[in-house]
Amino acid sequence: MKRPVLIATTLLLLTGAGVADADARPDRYQLPGDAGGSKFEGIGADERRGLFYVSEVTGGEIHRGSSGSAQAAEWLTGDGTDGRFTARGITVDALGRVYVAGGPNGIGTGRPDLWVYSPDGVLLAALRAPGADVFLNDVAIGPDGAAYFTNSNDPQIYRVADDGTGWTATRWADASGVVERQPGFNLGGIVLTADRGAFVVAQGNTGKLWRFDAATGAVSAIATGADLVNADGLLRQGETLTVVRNFSRMLATLRLSADGRSATLVRQQATDPTRVLTTAKALRGQVLYVDSKFDEPTATPPYEIVTEPVS
């Protein structure tokens, strides 16, 4: 009597029937928010565990969700927890450790500029970046396993790692002689190139892309011929680079060479006019975009991560 059941099950597996239902995921994810309004910016993805982390600008809370569940939850409290009153870029390394950029959290306050947490939410490090007026915006994991943070106030990148003697933050690259500081947000989004030999970094106020050599820190311009003003988050998938242009409400798609030395515009697409998207990460076949609520004086729910950004 069991043979027909086994045959039917085998046929389902071979034909793929039922696979879509088993792997069905939400097209948007709900974030918890504060009664007085919440705004969001960064997102990190843990591909191995199927988790994503979202940073809250208003208060510095960190929220965590699963690719299979529509409802995220507060993972780390804010409002002064570990000296964190705001949070910006966020990423996850191969060990599941979570790195959080503090934006202006430490400017004029003596508070930390960044934090590192274990996968279980244990604080591993709360660090000040060397220098003054440091606004850590976004973060990416380098080929050496360290985390590299961009500075939106000056054209600098900071390296954060535990190299065996404890966690440290050092100024890894200073491109002041090449990248001109402009009013507004300077260096922001950062991704590693396909050949893992360089970082591509966005300068949001000018719309320029810059290449930082991963071995030397040397910087050079990447010619795109494209309007990338308000470039915020970057997402690289193979040779495809997506530039999220927050208040321009546009997504730019470029073909990026493996070494990051050249980029060609493929298309520009208008995003949902009711949202200001800041950045994106890929997680198990989906691209997740942060709806920041930056356009609302007092943000109101729903607070969402979306998978369909185009209007």
Protein backbone atom coordinates (compact mmCIF):
# COMPACT_ATOMS: atom_id res chain seq x y z
CA MET A 1 0.00 0.00 0.00
CA LYS A 2 2.97 2.36 0.53
CA ARG A 3 4.42 1.99 -2.97
CA PRO A 4 2.04 4.45 -4.74
CA VAL A 5 2.75 7.06 -2.05
CA LEU A 6 6.50 6.71 -2.58
CA ILE A 7 6.10 6.97 -6.35
CA ALA A 8 3.92 10.05 -6.01
CA THR A 9 6.44 11.66 -3.66
CA THR A 10 9.27 10.90 -6.06
CA LEU A 11 7.34 12.42 -8.94
CA LEU A 12 6.71 15.58 -6.91
CA LEU A 13 10.42 15.92 -6.21
CA LEU A 14 11.45 15.24 -9.81
CA THR A 15 8.91 17.62 -11.34
CA GLY A 16 9.38 20.33 -8.74
CA ALA A 17 5.69 20.32 -7.80
CA GLY A 18 5.25 21.66 -4.31
CA VAL A 19 8.73 23.21 -4.20
CA ALA A 20 7.41 26.73 -4.70
CA ASP A 21 5.00 26.31 -1.78
CA ALA A 22 7.74 24.97 0.47
CA ASP A 23 10.02 27.88 -0.40
CA ALA A 24 7.36 30.60 -0.47
CA ARG A 25 8.63 33.79 1.12
CA PRO A 26 7.04 37.18 1.80
CA ASP A 27 7.40 39.97 -0.75
CA ARG A 28 7.78 42.42 2.15
CA TYR A 29 8.92 42.15 5.75
CA GLN A 30 7.48 44.07 8.68
CA LEU A 31 9.77 45.86 11.13
CA PRO A 32 8.80 46.83 14.67
CA GLY A 33 8.83 50.54 15.33
CA ASP A 34 8.61 53.08 18.10
CA ALA A 35 5.43 54.87 19.09
CA GLY A 36 7.02 58.19 18.18
CA GLY A 37 8.08 57.06 14.71
CA SER A 38 11.04 55.05 13.41
CA LYS A 39 13.44 55.52 10.50
CA PHE A 40 15.82 52.90 9.10
CA GLU A 41 18.91 52.75 6.94
CA GLY A 42 21.22 49.72 6.82
CA ILE A 43 20.71 46.02 6.20
CA GLY A 44 23.02 43.04 6.61
CA ALA A 45 22.45 39.46 5.47
CA ASP A 46 23.56 36.14 6.94
CA GLU A 47 23.20 33.81 3.96
CA ARG A 48 24.14 30.68 5.91
CA ARG A 49 21.48 31.13 8.58
CA GLY A 50 18.91 32.91 6.40
CA LEU A 51 18.77 35.98 8.63
CA PHE A 52 18.81 39.70 7.97
CA TYR A 53 19.58 42.63 10.28
CA VAL A 54 18.22 46.16 9.93
CA SER A 55 19.51 49.29 11.68
CA GLU A 56 17.24 51.98 13.07
CA VAL A 57 18.42 55.58 12.79
CA THR A 58 15.98 56.81 15.44
CA GLY A 59 17.25 55.19 18.61
CA GLY A 60 19.85 52.80 17.24
CA GLU A 61 17.84 49.60 17.65
CA ILE A 62 18.88 46.59 15.57
CA HIS A 63 16.11 44.39 14.21
CA ARG A 64 16.46 40.83 12.98
CA GLY A 65 14.30 38.83 10.61
CA SER A 66 14.27 35.49 8.81
CA SER A 67 13.89 35.06 5.07
CA GLY A 68 10.92 32.76 5.70
CA SER A 69 8.93 34.98 8.07
CA ALA A 70 7.11 38.22 7.32
CA GLN A 71 7.65 39.67 10.80
CA ALA A 72 11.02 40.84 12.07
CA ALA A 73 11.70 41.53 15.75
CA GLU A 74 13.91 43.80 17.80
CA TRP A 75 17.23 42.02 18.33
CA LEU A 76 19.21 44.70 20.17
CA THR A 77 17.69 47.59 22.08
CA GLY A 78 18.84 51.15 21.41
CA ASP A 79 18.46 54.46 23.23
CA GLY A 80 21.88 54.18 24.82
CA THR A 81 22.47 50.41 24.86
CA ASP A 82 26.26 49.97 24.53
CA GLY A 83 26.42 53.72 23.95
CA ARG A 84 24.32 53.37 20.78
CA PHE A 85 21.77 56.10 20.07
CA THR A 86 21.69 55.75 16.28
CA ALA A 87 22.83 53.13 13.75
CA ARG A 88 23.57 53.21 10.02
CA GLY A 89 25.32 50.60 7.85
CA ILE A 90 25.37 46.98 8.97
CA THR A 91 26.91 43.77 7.67
CA VAL A 92 27.62 40.18 8.70
CA ASP A 93 30.85 38.22 8.31
CA ALA A 94 31.39 34.52 7.59
CA LEU A 95 31.24 33.70 11.31
CA GLY A 96 27.87 35.41 11.71
CA ARG A 97 29.33 38.40 13.58
CA VAL A 98 27.37 41.62 13.08
CA TYR A 99 29.12 44.95 12.44
CA VAL A 100 27.22 48.21 12.96
CA ALA A 101 28.23 51.70 11.82
CA GLY A 102 27.21 54.52 14.13
CA GLY A 103 26.97 57.46 11.74
CA PRO A 104 27.16 60.60 13.91
CA ASN A 105 26.79 58.65 17.17
CA GLY A 106 30.29 59.54 18.37
CA ILE A 107 30.65 63.06 16.97
CA GLY A 108 31.17 65.44 19.86
CA THR A 109 29.93 62.90 22.40
CA GLY A 110 32.78 60.51 23.08
CA ARG A 111 30.42 57.61 22.39
CA PRO A 112 31.38 54.66 20.17
CA ASP A 113 31.49 55.03 16.39
CA LEU A 114 30.88 51.33 15.74
CA TRP A 115 30.00 48.01 17.36
CA VAL A 116 30.66 44.32 16.76
CA TYR A 117 28.28 41.63 18.06
CA SER A 118 28.38 37.84 18.17
CA PRO A 119 25.62 35.88 16.39
CA ASP A 120 23.95 35.58 19.80
CA GLY A 121 23.94 39.33 20.37
CA VAL A 122 26.88 39.47 22.78
CA LEU A 123 28.86 42.72 22.49
CA LEU A 124 32.37 41.95 21.24
CA ALA A 125 33.57 45.52 20.70
CA ALA A 126 32.38 49.12 20.94
CA LEU A 127 35.05 51.30 19.36
CA ARG A 128 35.95 54.86 18.56
CA ALA A 129 37.44 55.46 15.13
CA PRO A 130 40.66 57.48 15.20
CA GLY A 131 40.24 61.09 14.16
CA ALA A 132 37.63 63.77 14.66
CA ASP A 133 34.30 64.38 12.97
CA VAL A 134 34.02 60.75 11.84
CA PHE A 135 30.64 59.70 10.39
CA LEU A 136 30.80 55.95 9.73
CA ASN A 137 28.19 55.22 7.09
CA ASP A 138 28.46 51.75 5.54
CA VAL A 139 30.52 48.62 5.98
CA ALA A 140 31.69 45.61 3.94
CA ILE A 141 33.81 42.56 4.71
CA GLY A 142 37.17 42.55 2.95
CA PRO A 143 39.18 39.68 1.45
CA ASP A 144 41.12 39.40 4.73
CA GLY A 145 37.94 38.93 6.78
CA ALA A 146 38.16 42.38 8.38
CA ALA A 147 35.34 44.92 8.22
CA TYR A 148 35.85 48.15 6.24
CA PHE A 149 33.78 51.22 7.16
CA THR A 150 33.30 54.31 5.00
CA ASN A 151 33.43 57.86 6.38
CA SER A 152 30.79 60.22 5.01
CA ASN A 153 32.54 63.34 6.28
CA ASP A 154 36.01 62.71 4.83
CA PRO A 155 37.20 60.39 2.04
CA GLN A 156 38.50 57.76 4.44
CA ILE A 157 37.98 54.07 5.09
CA TYR A 158 38.50 52.42 8.48
CA ARG A 159 39.49 48.81 9.08
CA VAL A 160 38.06 46.92 12.07
CA ALA A 161 39.31 43.49 13.12
CA ASP A 162 40.54 41.31 15.93
CA ASP A 163 43.99 40.30 14.69
CA GLY A 164 44.76 38.31 17.81
CA THR A 165 45.37 41.10 20.31
CA GLY A 166 41.82 42.40 20.62
CA TRP A 167 39.49 44.47 18.47
CA THR A 168 40.91 47.63 16.92
CA ALA A 169 39.77 50.33 14.52
CA THR A 170 42.43 51.89 12.30
CA ARG A 171 42.34 54.37 9.46
CA TRP A 172 43.11 52.10 6.52
CA ALA A 173 42.87 54.51 3.58
CA ASP A 174 42.79 58.28 3.22
CA ALA A 175 41.96 59.55 -0.26
CA SER A 176 41.95 63.25 0.62
CA GLY A 177 44.40 64.01 -2.16
CA VAL A 178 42.17 62.41 -4.79
CA VAL A 179 38.56 62.56 -3.57
CA GLU A 180 37.41 66.09 -2.84
CA ARG A 181 35.25 66.52 0.26
CA GLN A 182 31.96 68.14 -0.70
CA PRO A 183 29.01 69.38 1.39
CA GLY A 184 26.62 66.61 2.36
CA PHE A 185 27.29 62.89 2.43
CA ASN A 186 30.58 61.85 0.88
CA LEU A 187 31.66 58.19 1.01
CA GLY A 188 28.77 55.81 1.61
CA GLY A 189 27.98 52.46 0.02
CA ILE A 190 30.82 49.96 -0.26
CA VAL A 191 31.13 46.52 -1.89
CA LEU A 192 33.96 44.13 -2.69
CA THR A 193 34.73 43.45 -6.35
CA ALA A 194 34.20 40.04 -7.93
CA ASP A 195 37.95 39.30 -7.98
CA ARG A 196 38.16 40.39 -4.31
CA GLY A 197 40.98 42.76 -5.20
CA ALA A 198 39.27 46.09 -4.52
CA PHE A 199 36.35 47.93 -3.00
CA VAL A 200 33.87 50.00 -4.99
CA VAL A 201 32.68 52.98 -2.98
CA ALA A 202 29.94 55.49 -3.76
CA GLN A 203 30.26 59.23 -3.14
CA GLY A 204 26.63 60.20 -2.79
CA ASN A 205 26.83 63.99 -3.05
CA THR A 206 28.72 63.90 -6.37
CA GLY A 207 27.39 60.63 -7.80
CA LYS A 208 30.91 59.31 -8.37
CA LEU A 209 32.19 55.76 -7.86
CA TRP A 210 35.69 55.16 -6.53
CA ARG A 211 37.91 52.09 -6.55
CA PHE A 212 40.06 51.39 -3.47
CA ASP A 213 42.71 48.73 -4.01
CA ALA A 214 42.26 46.10 -1.27
CA ALA A 215 46.01 45.52 -0.95
CA THR A 216 47.31 49.09 -0.96
CA GLY A 217 44.33 51.38 -0.36
CA ALA A 218 45.20 53.30 -3.54
CA VAL A 219 42.17 55.06 -4.99
CA SER A 220 41.10 55.77 -8.56
CA ALA A 221 37.94 57.04 -10.22
CA ILE A 222 35.57 54.63 -11.97
CA ALA A 223 34.16 56.28 -15.09
CA THR A 224 30.44 55.47 -15.49
CA GLY A 225 28.97 58.26 -17.63
CA ALA A 226 25.86 57.91 -15.50
CA ASP A 227 23.90 60.17 -13.18
CA LEU A 228 24.44 58.56 -9.77
CA VAL A 229 23.79 61.56 -7.52
CA ASN A 230 22.29 60.42 -4.21
CA ALA A 231 24.01 57.06 -4.57
CA ASP A 232 23.55 55.37 -1.21
CA GLY A 233 23.67 51.60 -0.88
CA LEU A 234 25.51 49.35 -3.34
CA LEU A 235 24.77 45.73 -4.17
CA ARG A 236 27.05 43.61 -6.34
CA GLN A 237 25.84 40.31 -7.78
CA GLY A 238 28.45 38.88 -10.11
CA GLU A 239 29.17 41.58 -12.69
CA THR A 240 25.96 43.47 -11.90
CA LEU A 241 26.20 46.50 -9.63
CA THR A 242 22.97 48.02 -8.30
CA VAL A 243 23.15 51.59 -7.00
CA VAL A 244 20.29 52.66 -4.73
CA ARG A 245 19.78 56.43 -5.24
CA ASN A 246 17.72 57.27 -2.15
CA PHE A 247 16.07 60.72 -2.59
CA SER A 248 16.40 60.53 -6.38
CA ARG A 249 14.09 57.52 -6.09
CA MET A 250 16.03 55.64 -8.73
CA LEU A 251 17.85 52.34 -9.12
CA ALA A 252 20.85 52.35 -11.41
CA THR A 253 22.11 49.06 -12.80
CA LEU A 254 25.68 48.91 -14.10
CA ARG A 255 27.90 46.22 -15.56
CA LEU A 256 31.01 46.19 -13.38
CA SER A 257 34.28 44.60 -14.43
CA ALA A 258 35.64 41.89 -12.14
CA ASP A 259 38.46 44.15 -10.97
CA GLY A 260 36.22 47.18 -10.50
CA ARG A 261 38.16 49.37 -12.91
CA SER A 262 35.28 49.99 -15.29
CA ALA A 263 31.50 50.22 -15.10
CA THR A 264 28.90 50.66 -17.83
CA LEU A 265 25.35 51.83 -17.24
CA VAL A 266 22.72 49.26 -18.22
CA ARG A 267 19.56 51.06 -17.08
CA GLN A 268 17.99 53.49 -14.65
CA GLN A 269 14.61 52.65 -13.11
CA ALA A 270 12.28 54.77 -11.01
CA THR A 271 11.52 53.29 -7.60
CA ASP A 272 8.23 53.44 -5.72
CA PRO A 273 7.55 57.18 -5.28
CA THR A 274 6.02 56.59 -1.84
CA ARG A 275 9.31 55.23 -0.46
CA VAL A 276 12.89 56.43 0.00
CA LEU A 277 15.03 53.32 -0.36
CA THR A 278 18.52 53.50 1.12
CA THR A 279 20.29 50.21 0.49
CA ALA A 280 19.84 46.53 -0.38
CA LYS A 281 21.24 43.09 0.31
CA ALA A 282 20.69 39.72 -1.37
CA LEU A 283 19.49 36.87 0.82
CA ARG A 284 18.77 33.40 -0.52
CA GLY A 285 17.68 34.52 -3.96
CA GLN A 286 15.78 37.64 -2.87
CA VAL A 287 16.98 41.23 -2.87
CA LEU A 288 15.81 43.11 0.22
CA TYR A 289 15.50 46.91 0.08
CA VAL A 290 15.23 49.18 3.13
CA ASP A 291 12.31 51.63 3.13
CA SER A 292 13.90 54.33 5.28
CA LYS A 293 10.91 56.64 5.93
CA PHE A 294 13.38 59.53 5.53
CA ASP A 295 10.77 61.53 3.61
CA GLU A 296 8.37 61.64 6.56
CA PRO A 297 8.93 64.33 9.24
CA THR A 298 7.43 61.90 11.75
CA ALA A 299 7.53 58.37 10.40
CA THR A 300 4.39 56.27 10.53
CA PRO A 301 3.91 52.50 10.08
CA PRO A 302 3.99 50.19 8.32
CA TYR A 303 7.78 49.91 8.54
CA GLU A 304 8.91 47.57 5.80
CA ILE A 305 11.70 45.83 3.96
CA VAL A 306 10.52 45.33 0.37
CA THR A 307 11.49 43.03 -2.48
CA GLU A 308 9.71 44.95 -5.25
CA PRO A 309 11.34 48.38 -5.33
CA VAL A 310 10.32 49.59 -8.80
CA SER A 311 7.20 51.70 -9.21
